[in-house]
Amino acid sequence: MQAVVNVFLKEGVLDPQGKAAHHALDSLGFPGVEDVRIGKQIILKLETDDRAKAEAEVKEMCETLLANTVIEDYTVEIN
């Protein structure tokens, strides 16, 4: 089983990488982009076949290590 975790800054938290990418896109001739937010994706290969157990474990991983929940949100997809 595989888990895909997407981690991104919460709305309202300054994203300097996103601002730099937004500015660069504008400079390269892409003026229609309103905002850019930069995040990260983590792909975990899991040994279990129990979907509920996998989801619970990955959420615990996110809460304890993979995401700084004070300033970041995350989503989890189990495949």
PDB file of N, CA and C in Angstrom:
ATOM      1  N   MET A   1       0.851  -1.172   0.000  1.00  0.00           N
ATOM      2  CA  MET A   1       0.000   0.000   0.000  1.00  0.00           C
ATOM      3  C   MET A   1       0.895   1.232   0.000  1.00  0.00           C
ATOM      4  N   GLN A   2       0.400   2.300  -0.594  1.00  0.00           N
ATOM      5  CA  GLN A   2       1.172   3.531  -0.692  1.00  0.00           C
ATOM      6  C   GLN A   2       0.366   4.694  -0.131  1.00  0.00           C
ATOM      7  N   ALA A   3       1.054   5.581   0.563  1.00  0.00           N
ATOM      8  CA  ALA A   3       0.433   6.805   1.072  1.00  0.00           C
ATOM      9  C   ALA A   3       1.135   8.000   0.439  1.00  0.00           C
ATOM     10  N   VAL A   4       0.343   8.957   0.001  1.00  0.00           N
ATOM     11  CA  VAL A   4       0.880  10.203  -0.542  1.00  0.00           C
ATOM     12  C   VAL A   4       0.444  11.319   0.403  1.00  0.00           C
ATOM     13  N   VAL A   5       1.429  12.013   0.957  1.00  0.00           N
ATOM     14  CA  VAL A   5       1.178  13.105   1.892  1.00  0.00           C
ATOM     15  C   VAL A   5       1.599  14.412   1.225  1.00  0.00           C
ATOM     16  N   ASN A   6       0.682  15.360   1.161  1.00  0.00           N
ATOM     17  CA  ASN A   6       0.991  16.695   0.648  1.00  0.00           C
ATOM     18  C   ASN A   6       0.982  17.656   1.828  1.00  0.00           C
ATOM     19  N   VAL A   7       2.092  18.371   2.010  1.00  0.00           N
ATOM     20  CA  VAL A   7       2.248  19.307   3.121  1.00  0.00           C
ATOM     21  C   VAL A   7       2.399  20.708   2.530  1.00  0.00           C
ATOM     22  N   PHE A   8       1.653  21.656   3.077  1.00  0.00           N
ATOM     23  CA  PHE A   8       1.696  23.017   2.555  1.00  0.00           C
ATOM     24  C   PHE A   8       1.432  23.992   3.693  1.00  0.00           C
ATOM     25  N   LEU A   9       1.931  25.202   3.526  1.00  0.00           N
ATOM     26  CA  LEU A   9       1.765  26.218   4.562  1.00  0.00           C
ATOM     27  C   LEU A   9       0.298  26.605   4.702  1.00  0.00           C
ATOM     28  N   LYS A  10      -0.121  26.863   5.921  1.00  0.00           N
ATOM     29  CA  LYS A  10      -1.490  27.305   6.167  1.00  0.00           C
ATOM     30  C   LYS A  10      -1.717  28.662   5.523  1.00  0.00           C
ATOM     31  N   GLU A  11      -2.967  28.901   5.176  1.00  0.00           N
ATOM     32  CA  GLU A  11      -3.347  30.204   4.635  1.00  0.00           C
ATOM     33  C   GLU A  11      -2.985  31.278   5.654  1.00  0.00           C
ATOM     34  N   GLY A  12      -2.379  32.359   5.196  1.00  0.00           N
ATOM     35  CA  GLY A  12      -1.985  33.437   6.092  1.00  0.00           C
ATOM     36  C   GLY A  12      -0.546  33.356   6.559  1.00  0.00           C
ATOM     37  N   VAL A  13       0.108  32.205   6.357  1.00  0.00           N
ATOM     38  CA  VAL A  13       1.524  32.071   6.713  1.00  0.00           C
ATOM     39  C   VAL A  13       2.352  32.517   5.511  1.00  0.00           C
ATOM     40  N   LEU A  14       3.291  33.414   5.748  1.00  0.00           N
ATOM     41  CA  LEU A  14       4.138  33.939   4.679  1.00  0.00           C
ATOM     42  C   LEU A  14       4.877  32.811   3.969  1.00  0.00           C
ATOM     43  N   ASP A  15       4.846  32.823   2.636  1.00  0.00           N
ATOM     44  CA  ASP A  15       5.492  31.799   1.813  1.00  0.00           C
ATOM     45  C   ASP A  15       6.504  32.481   0.883  1.00  0.00           C
ATOM     46  N   PRO A  16       7.750  32.730   1.364  1.00  0.00           N
ATOM     47  CA  PRO A  16       8.731  33.443   0.542  1.00  0.00           C
ATOM     48  C   PRO A  16       9.093  32.704  -0.751  1.00  0.00           C
ATOM     49  N   GLN A  17       9.114  31.365  -0.723  1.00  0.00           N
ATOM     50  CA  GLN A  17       9.390  30.613  -1.951  1.00  0.00           C
ATOM     51  C   GLN A  17       8.268  30.806  -2.956  1.00  0.00           C
ATOM     52  N   GLY A  18       7.048  30.791  -2.479  1.00  0.00           N
ATOM     53  CA  GLY A  18       5.907  31.017  -3.356  1.00  0.00           C
ATOM     54  C   GLY A  18       5.931  32.411  -3.961  1.00  0.00           C
ATOM     55  N   LYS A  19       6.267  33.415  -3.160  1.00  0.00           N
ATOM     56  CA  LYS A  19       6.361  34.789  -3.659  1.00  0.00           C
ATOM     57  C   LYS A  19       7.446  34.908  -4.723  1.00  0.00           C
ATOM     58  N   ALA A  20       8.604  34.262  -4.484  1.00  0.00           N
ATOM     59  CA  ALA A  20       9.696  34.307  -5.464  1.00  0.00           C
ATOM     60  C   ALA A  20       9.281  33.632  -6.770  1.00  0.00           C
ATOM     61  N   ALA A  21       8.607  32.487  -6.674  1.00  0.00           N
ATOM     62  CA  ALA A  21       8.142  31.791  -7.879  1.00  0.00           C
ATOM     63  C   ALA A  21       7.095  32.631  -8.602  1.00  0.00           C
ATOM     64  N   HIS A  22       6.207  33.268  -7.857  1.00  0.00           N
ATOM     65  CA  HIS A  22       5.178  34.120  -8.459  1.00  0.00           C
ATOM     66  C   HIS A  22       5.829  35.273  -9.222  1.00  0.00           C
ATOM     67  N   HIS A  23       6.796  35.916  -8.608  1.00  0.00           N
ATOM     68  CA  HIS A  23       7.509  37.019  -9.255  1.00  0.00           C
ATOM     69  C   HIS A  23       8.228  36.529 -10.515  1.00  0.00           C
ATOM     70  N   ALA A  24       8.886  35.377 -10.426  1.00  0.00           N
ATOM     71  CA  ALA A  24       9.605  34.828 -11.581  1.00  0.00           C
ATOM     72  C   ALA A  24       8.640  34.492 -12.725  1.00  0.00           C
ATOM     73  N   LEU A  25       7.503  33.903 -12.396  1.00  0.00           N
ATOM     74  CA  LEU A  25       6.515  33.584 -13.430  1.00  0.00           C
ATOM     75  C   LEU A  25       6.016  34.844 -14.123  1.00  0.00           C
ATOM     76  N   ASP A  26       5.765  35.872 -13.335  1.00  0.00           N
ATOM     77  CA  ASP A  26       5.328  37.145 -13.902  1.00  0.00           C
ATOM     78  C   ASP A  26       6.406  37.712 -14.841  1.00  0.00           C
ATOM     79  N   SER A  27       7.665  37.645 -14.405  1.00  0.00           N
ATOM     80  CA  SER A  27       8.778  38.131 -15.217  1.00  0.00           C
ATOM     81  C   SER A  27       8.961  37.333 -16.499  1.00  0.00           C
ATOM     82  N   LEU A  28       8.583  36.071 -16.476  1.00  0.00           N
ATOM     83  CA  LEU A  28       8.714  35.203 -17.650  1.00  0.00           C
ATOM     84  C   LEU A  28       7.518  35.293 -18.594  1.00  0.00           C
ATOM     85  N   GLY A  29       6.591  36.173 -18.283  1.00  0.00           N
ATOM     86  CA  GLY A  29       5.469  36.381 -19.183  1.00  0.00           C
ATOM     87  C   GLY A  29       4.219  35.593 -18.851  1.00  0.00           C
ATOM     88  N   PHE A  30       4.060  35.218 -17.602  1.00  0.00           N
ATOM     89  CA  PHE A  30       2.851  34.516 -17.146  1.00  0.00           C
ATOM     90  C   PHE A  30       2.117  35.399 -16.130  1.00  0.00           C
ATOM     91  N   PRO A  31       1.526  36.495 -16.586  1.00  0.00           N
ATOM     92  CA  PRO A  31       0.922  37.447 -15.652  1.00  0.00           C
ATOM     93  C   PRO A  31      -0.415  36.996 -15.065  1.00  0.00           C
ATOM     94  N   GLY A  32      -1.016  35.949 -15.576  1.00  0.00           N
ATOM     95  CA  GLY A  32      -2.324  35.518 -15.118  1.00  0.00           C
ATOM     96  C   GLY A  32      -2.319  34.705 -13.840  1.00  0.00           C
ATOM     97  N   VAL A  33      -1.157  34.467 -13.242  1.00  0.00           N
ATOM     98  CA  VAL A  33      -1.081  33.689 -12.006  1.00  0.00           C
ATOM     99  C   VAL A  33      -1.352  34.630 -10.832  1.00  0.00           C
ATOM    100  N   GLU A  34      -2.392  34.338 -10.052  1.00  0.00           N
ATOM    101  CA  GLU A  34      -2.758  35.196  -8.935  1.00  0.00           C
ATOM    102  C   GLU A  34      -1.889  34.979  -7.704  1.00  0.00           C
ATOM    103  N   ASP A  35      -1.538  33.719  -7.428  1.00  0.00           N
ATOM    104  CA  ASP A  35      -0.761  33.415  -6.225  1.00  0.00           C
ATOM    105  C   ASP A  35      -0.060  32.081  -6.427  1.00  0.00           C
ATOM    106  N   VAL A  36       1.053  31.901  -5.743  1.00  0.00           N
ATOM    107  CA  VAL A  36       1.803  30.637  -5.782  1.00  0.00           C
ATOM    108  C   VAL A  36       2.107  30.235  -4.354  1.00  0.00           C
ATOM    109  N   ARG A  37       1.828  28.998  -4.030  1.00  0.00           N
ATOM    110  CA  ARG A  37       2.172  28.430  -2.721  1.00  0.00           C
ATOM    111  C   ARG A  37       3.046  27.217  -2.988  1.00  0.00           C
ATOM    112  N   ILE A  38       4.147  27.109  -2.279  1.00  0.00           N
ATOM    113  CA  ILE A  38       5.080  25.996  -2.440  1.00  0.00           C
ATOM    114  C   ILE A  38       4.878  25.028  -1.287  1.00  0.00           C
ATOM    115  N   GLY A  39       4.845  23.741  -1.598  1.00  0.00           N
ATOM    116  CA  GLY A  39       4.697  22.714  -0.577  1.00  0.00           C
ATOM    117  C   GLY A  39       5.638  21.562  -0.849  1.00  0.00           C
ATOM    118  N   LYS A  40       5.359  20.444  -0.204  1.00  0.00           N
ATOM    119  CA  LYS A  40       6.180  19.249  -0.432  1.00  0.00           C
ATOM    120  C   LYS A  40       5.278  18.028  -0.475  1.00  0.00           C
ATOM    121  N   GLN A  41       5.736  17.009  -1.177  1.00  0.00           N
ATOM    122  CA  GLN A  41       4.998  15.757  -1.266  1.00  0.00           C
ATOM    123  C   GLN A  41       5.891  14.641  -0.743  1.00  0.00           C
ATOM    124  N   ILE A  42       5.309  13.808   0.103  1.00  0.00           N
ATOM    125  CA  ILE A  42       6.029  12.677   0.697  1.00  0.00           C
ATOM    126  C   ILE A  42       5.274  11.414   0.301  1.00  0.00           C
ATOM    127  N   ILE A  43       5.994  10.445  -0.269  1.00  0.00           N
ATOM    128  CA  ILE A  43       5.388   9.186  -0.684  1.00  0.00           C
ATOM    129  C   ILE A  43       5.929   8.083   0.209  1.00  0.00           C
ATOM    130  N   LEU A  44       5.017   7.384   0.864  1.00  0.00           N
ATOM    131  CA  LEU A  44       5.390   6.322   1.795  1.00  0.00           C
ATOM    132  C   LEU A  44       4.904   4.982   1.260  1.00  0.00           C
ATOM    133  N   LYS A  45       5.782   4.001   1.220  1.00  0.00           N
ATOM    134  CA  LYS A  45       5.375   2.648   0.867  1.00  0.00           C
ATOM    135  C   LYS A  45       5.156   1.901   2.180  1.00  0.00           C
ATOM    136  N   LEU A  46       3.952   1.372   2.357  1.00  0.00           N
ATOM    137  CA  LEU A  46       3.567   0.750   3.618  1.00  0.00           C
ATOM    138  C   LEU A  46       3.410  -0.756   3.457  1.00  0.00           C
ATOM    139  N   GLU A  47       3.721  -1.502   4.495  1.00  0.00           N
ATOM    140  CA  GLU A  47       3.634  -2.962   4.456  1.00  0.00           C
ATOM    141  C   GLU A  47       2.216  -3.481   4.673  1.00  0.00           C
ATOM    142  N   THR A  48       1.364  -2.703   5.300  1.00  0.00           N
ATOM    143  CA  THR A  48       0.035  -3.174   5.657  1.00  0.00           C
ATOM    144  C   THR A  48      -0.924  -3.183   4.461  1.00  0.00           C
ATOM    145  N   ASP A  49      -1.939  -4.029   4.538  1.00  0.00           N
ATOM    146  CA  ASP A  49      -3.030  -4.037   3.561  1.00  0.00           C
ATOM    147  C   ASP A  49      -4.312  -3.483   4.173  1.00  0.00           C
ATOM    148  N   ASP A  50      -4.238  -3.091   5.446  1.00  0.00           N
ATOM    149  CA  ASP A  50      -5.386  -2.559   6.178  1.00  0.00           C
ATOM    150  C   ASP A  50      -5.448  -1.045   5.960  1.00  0.00           C
ATOM    151  N   ARG A  51      -6.395  -0.611   5.133  1.00  0.00           N
ATOM    152  CA  ARG A  51      -6.500   0.796   4.753  1.00  0.00           C
ATOM    153  C   ARG A  51      -6.716   1.709   5.969  1.00  0.00           C
ATOM    154  N   ALA A  52      -7.600   1.320   6.868  1.00  0.00           N
ATOM    155  CA  ALA A  52      -7.882   2.150   8.049  1.00  0.00           C
ATOM    156  C   ALA A  52      -6.650   2.285   8.935  1.00  0.00           C
ATOM    157  N   LYS A  53      -5.944   1.183   9.132  1.00  0.00           N
ATOM    158  CA  LYS A  53      -4.722   1.210   9.940  1.00  0.00           C
ATOM    159  C   LYS A  53      -3.668   2.095   9.281  1.00  0.00           C
ATOM    160  N   ALA A  54      -3.521   1.966   7.966  1.00  0.00           N
ATOM    161  CA  ALA A  54      -2.539   2.771   7.231  1.00  0.00           C
ATOM    162  C   ALA A  54      -2.855   4.254   7.366  1.00  0.00           C
ATOM    163  N   GLU A  55      -4.119   4.616   7.189  1.00  0.00           N
ATOM    164  CA  GLU A  55      -4.502   6.017   7.290  1.00  0.00           C
ATOM    165  C   GLU A  55      -4.240   6.558   8.696  1.00  0.00           C
ATOM    166  N   ALA A  56      -4.569   5.799   9.713  1.00  0.00           N
ATOM    167  CA  ALA A  56      -4.338   6.233  11.095  1.00  0.00           C
ATOM    168  C   ALA A  56      -2.841   6.413  11.368  1.00  0.00           C
ATOM    169  N   GLU A  57      -2.032   5.471  10.903  1.00  0.00           N
ATOM    170  CA  GLU A  57      -0.585   5.555  11.131  1.00  0.00           C
ATOM    171  C   GLU A  57       0.024   6.744  10.395  1.00  0.00           C
ATOM    172  N   VAL A  58      -0.390   6.966   9.161  1.00  0.00           N
ATOM    173  CA  VAL A  58       0.171   8.079   8.391  1.00  0.00           C
ATOM    174  C   VAL A  58      -0.245   9.411   9.016  1.00  0.00           C
ATOM    175  N   LYS A  59      -1.475   9.533   9.475  1.00  0.00           N
ATOM    176  CA  LYS A  59      -1.888  10.765  10.154  1.00  0.00           C
ATOM    177  C   LYS A  59      -1.052  10.999  11.409  1.00  0.00           C
ATOM    178  N   GLU A  60      -0.761   9.925  12.146  1.00  0.00           N
ATOM    179  CA  GLU A  60       0.100  10.054  13.329  1.00  0.00           C
ATOM    180  C   GLU A  60       1.509  10.484  12.926  1.00  0.00           C
ATOM    181  N   MET A  61       2.020   9.928  11.838  1.00  0.00           N
ATOM    182  CA  MET A  61       3.337  10.328  11.329  1.00  0.00           C
ATOM    183  C   MET A  61       3.356  11.818  10.988  1.00  0.00           C
ATOM    184  N   CYS A  62       2.292  12.288  10.353  1.00  0.00           N
ATOM    185  CA  CYS A  62       2.204  13.696   9.986  1.00  0.00           C
ATOM    186  C   CYS A  62       2.175  14.587  11.222  1.00  0.00           C
ATOM    187  N   GLU A  63       1.376  14.189  12.190  1.00  0.00           N
ATOM    188  CA  GLU A  63       1.230  14.994  13.407  1.00  0.00           C
ATOM    189  C   GLU A  63       2.511  15.041  14.233  1.00  0.00           C
ATOM    190  N   THR A  64       3.329  13.992  14.169  1.00  0.00           N
ATOM    191  CA  THR A  64       4.520  13.929  15.006  1.00  0.00           C
ATOM    192  C   THR A  64       5.818  14.313  14.290  1.00  0.00           C
ATOM    193  N   LEU A  65       5.865  14.164  12.959  1.00  0.00           N
ATOM    194  CA  LEU A  65       7.134  14.419  12.269  1.00  0.00           C
ATOM    195  C   LEU A  65       7.000  15.112  10.918  1.00  0.00           C
ATOM    196  N   LEU A  66       6.137  14.636  10.059  1.00  0.00           N
ATOM    197  CA  LEU A  66       6.154  15.049   8.660  1.00  0.00           C
ATOM    198  C   LEU A  66       5.629  16.462   8.414  1.00  0.00           C
ATOM    199  N   ALA A  67       4.779  16.965   9.290  1.00  0.00           N
ATOM    200  CA  ALA A  67       4.232  18.318   9.142  1.00  0.00           C
ATOM    201  C   ALA A  67       4.363  19.077  10.449  1.00  0.00           C
ATOM    202  N   ASN A  68       4.678  20.343  10.331  1.00  0.00           N
ATOM    203  CA  ASN A  68       4.667  21.229  11.495  1.00  0.00           C
ATOM    204  C   ASN A  68       3.258  21.807  11.558  1.00  0.00           C
ATOM    205  N   THR A  69       2.401  21.176  12.334  1.00  0.00           N
ATOM    206  CA  THR A  69       0.978  21.513  12.315  1.00  0.00           C
ATOM    207  C   THR A  69       0.648  22.899  12.868  1.00  0.00           C
ATOM    208  N   VAL A  70       1.627  23.580  13.415  1.00  0.00           N
ATOM    209  CA  VAL A  70       1.405  24.958  13.855  1.00  0.00           C
ATOM    210  C   VAL A  70       1.275  25.861  12.629  1.00  0.00           C
ATOM    211  N   ILE A  71       2.095  25.616  11.596  1.00  0.00           N
ATOM    212  CA  ILE A  71       2.096  26.483  10.414  1.00  0.00           C
ATOM    213  C   ILE A  71       1.758  25.747   9.111  1.00  0.00           C
ATOM    214  N   GLU A  72       1.606  24.419   9.165  1.00  0.00           N
ATOM    215  CA  GLU A  72       1.356  23.650   7.949  1.00  0.00           C
ATOM    216  C   GLU A  72       0.086  22.808   8.066  1.00  0.00           C
ATOM    217  N   ASP A  73      -0.567  22.649   6.937  1.00  0.00           N
ATOM    218  CA  ASP A  73      -1.666  21.705   6.787  1.00  0.00           C
ATOM    219  C   ASP A  73      -1.151  20.545   5.950  1.00  0.00           C
ATOM    220  N   TYR A  74      -1.900  19.455   5.940  1.00  0.00           N
ATOM    221  CA  TYR A  74      -1.508  18.311   5.126  1.00  0.00           C
ATOM    222  C   TYR A  74      -2.737  17.534   4.672  1.00  0.00           C
ATOM    223  N   THR A  75      -2.555  16.820   3.575  1.00  0.00           N
ATOM    224  CA  THR A  75      -3.576  15.891   3.100  1.00  0.00           C
ATOM    225  C   THR A  75      -2.922  14.533   2.955  1.00  0.00           C
ATOM    226  N   VAL A  76      -3.741  13.476   3.079  1.00  0.00           N
ATOM    227  CA  VAL A  76      -3.241  12.105   2.968  1.00  0.00           C
ATOM    228  C   VAL A  76      -4.111  11.351   1.962  1.00  0.00           C
ATOM    229  N   GLU A  77      -3.459  10.697   1.011  1.00  0.00           N
ATOM    230  CA  GLU A  77      -4.143   9.803   0.073  1.00  0.00           C
ATOM    231  C   GLU A  77      -3.558   8.411   0.257  1.00  0.00           C
ATOM    232  N   ILE A  78      -4.414   7.419   0.448  1.00  0.00           N
ATOM    233  CA  ILE A  78      -3.962   6.039   0.568  1.00  0.00           C
ATOM    234  C   ILE A  78      -4.352   5.309  -0.724  1.00  0.00           C
ATOM    235  N   ASN A  79      -3.368   4.697  -1.358  1.00  0.00           N
ATOM    236  CA  ASN A  79      -3.606   3.958  -2.609  1.00  0.00           C
ATOM    237  C   ASN A  79      -3.242   2.506  -2.430  1.00  0.00           C
TER     238      ASN A  79
END
